[in-house]
Amino acid sequence: ESVSSVTGRILLEIGMYLAYQESSQKSSRIKASRKLLEDSGRKSIAKPPFWLARNSDLKSYTIIEENAEIIRKIFDLKL
């Protein structure tokens, strides 16, 4: 029983270490990617909210008024 529990604990520790390493590597890659975007003056490459349209320069947005009105109404109802 003790050999089994020691082996299990070692495998668990290795698994936790590998998970941490993977998470750390992903974090570093995401930070580097965001830094490249920032340095180039571009905004996020993610899809903008439905009330915004990304302009062709990829540096600014245009408000889609009919969709923005829905958001304004939501906030008005909340208040």
Protein backbone atom coordinates (compact mmCIF):
# COMPACT_ATOMS: atom_id res chain seq x y z
CA GLU A 1 0.00 0.00 0.00
CA SER A 2 2.78 2.48 0.83
CA VAL A 3 4.53 1.87 -2.50
CA SER A 4 1.26 2.51 -4.31
CA SER A 5 0.59 5.73 -2.41
CA VAL A 6 4.17 6.96 -2.89
CA THR A 7 3.99 6.22 -6.61
CA GLY A 8 0.63 7.92 -6.84
CA ARG A 9 1.92 10.97 -5.02
CA ILE A 10 4.96 11.21 -7.30
CA LEU A 11 2.77 10.94 -10.41
CA LEU A 12 0.44 13.58 -9.00
CA GLU A 13 3.38 15.91 -8.29
CA ILE A 14 4.74 15.41 -11.82
CA GLY A 15 1.32 16.09 -13.32
CA MET A 16 0.95 19.27 -11.28
CA TYR A 17 4.42 20.44 -12.31
CA LEU A 18 3.71 19.83 -16.01
CA ALA A 19 0.38 21.64 -15.77
CA TYR A 20 2.08 24.63 -14.15
CA GLN A 21 4.77 24.69 -16.84
CA GLU A 22 2.17 24.59 -19.62
CA SER A 23 0.16 27.38 -18.00
CA SER A 24 3.27 29.50 -17.55
CA GLN A 25 4.30 28.99 -21.19
CA LYS A 26 0.83 29.94 -22.46
CA SER A 27 0.85 33.05 -20.31
CA SER A 28 4.22 34.11 -21.70
CA ARG A 29 3.06 33.58 -25.29
CA ILE A 30 -0.14 35.57 -24.75
CA LYS A 31 1.78 38.45 -23.15
CA ALA A 32 4.27 38.50 -26.03
CA SER A 33 1.46 38.48 -28.60
CA ARG A 34 -0.34 41.36 -26.88
CA LYS A 35 2.92 43.30 -26.68
CA LEU A 36 3.43 42.89 -30.45
CA LEU A 37 -0.09 44.18 -31.10
CA GLU A 38 0.45 47.12 -28.77
CA ASP A 39 3.80 48.00 -30.35
CA SER A 40 2.25 47.96 -33.83
CA GLY A 41 -0.54 50.30 -32.68
CA ARG A 42 -3.26 47.78 -33.43
CA LYS A 43 -6.10 46.94 -31.12
CA SER A 44 -6.94 43.44 -29.99
CA ILE A 45 -7.49 40.85 -32.70
CA ALA A 46 -10.51 39.51 -30.83
CA LYS A 47 -13.98 40.06 -32.28
CA PRO A 48 -15.37 43.34 -30.92
CA PRO A 49 -18.73 43.54 -29.11
CA PHE A 50 -21.77 43.58 -31.38
CA TRP A 51 -22.27 47.35 -31.03
CA LEU A 52 -18.78 48.11 -32.42
CA ALA A 53 -17.29 47.59 -35.88
CA ARG A 54 -13.52 47.51 -36.34
CA ASN A 55 -12.27 50.02 -38.89
CA SER A 56 -10.03 48.86 -41.72
CA ASP A 57 -6.97 50.44 -40.07
CA LEU A 58 -7.42 47.94 -37.20
CA LYS A 59 -6.67 50.78 -34.77
CA SER A 60 -10.13 52.18 -34.13
CA TYR A 61 -13.80 51.27 -33.93
CA THR A 62 -17.06 52.70 -35.21
CA ILE A 63 -20.23 52.53 -33.14
CA ILE A 64 -23.11 50.67 -34.79
CA GLU A 65 -25.87 52.99 -33.58
CA GLU A 66 -28.82 50.60 -33.90
CA ASN A 67 -26.97 48.01 -31.80
CA ALA A 68 -25.62 50.61 -29.37
CA GLU A 69 -29.18 51.74 -28.72
CA ILE A 70 -29.95 48.29 -27.31
CA ILE A 71 -27.05 48.65 -24.87
CA ARG A 72 -28.19 52.14 -23.86
CA LYS A 73 -31.68 50.82 -23.20
CA ILE A 74 -30.29 48.00 -21.02
CA PHE A 75 -28.40 50.54 -18.91
CA ASP A 76 -31.41 52.86 -18.73
CA LEU A 77 -33.60 50.00 -17.50
CA LYS A 78 -31.00 49.08 -14.90
CA LEU A 79 -30.96 52.60 -13.46
